């Protein structure tokens, strides 16, 4: 959002949207804060306890060594050796703590990675099943279609869309950015299935058609063709 606003600063000023953009950015920052403050707070507490234990352990070690020196049960060479051992041991524990944090993050990332590969898509792009229309004319009907993107389930992109396109008819979809023009094309390509309602091609539900056959009958030139 920040990059888009800075890049299009003139447009933001022309539309007097400075306060609205600031509000949206503040909401996004607040969401990130809510998401991360608990784990970061726990990490800070654990790190503080760790360093406190470090200092307390060295203090206890030196105190015990001085007590033994006073009782002539230990000489200064032993004190130096024990001090060096204590410092090296604590440094090793610090490294273990740092590695444990990284290992934990690696396990979490690997879990998300394997979950992605284990996920079964609702639309099988490699499927050869489904009906193939012999006399395909291209007549298209959107019948009370509702649609939301899986990543944004609270945003209703299409709401009871009713649209009929006859064979050979040329139409233009015109509207503001985000109103659902590209979504309609993606539904025709069956990148997504409609949430509610029906999308019919020649009177047949698009979900019953062979996916490979369907896409081979469509010609698309995108906004940024490669």
Foldseek 3Di string as FASTA:
>chain_A
DVVVCVVPVVVCVVVVCPVVVVVVVVVVVVVVCVVPVVVVVVVVVVVVVLVVVLVVVLVVLLVVQVVCVVVVNDDVVVSVVVSVVSVVVSVVVVVVVVVVVVVVVVVVVVVVVVCVVPDDDPDDLPDQAADDDPPFQFWKWFAQFWADDPVGVPDTLDGGDTDTDGRPDDDDDDDDPSNQPVVVVCVQLPPDDTPDGAMDGVRHGPVRHGNVNSNVPDDDDDPDHD
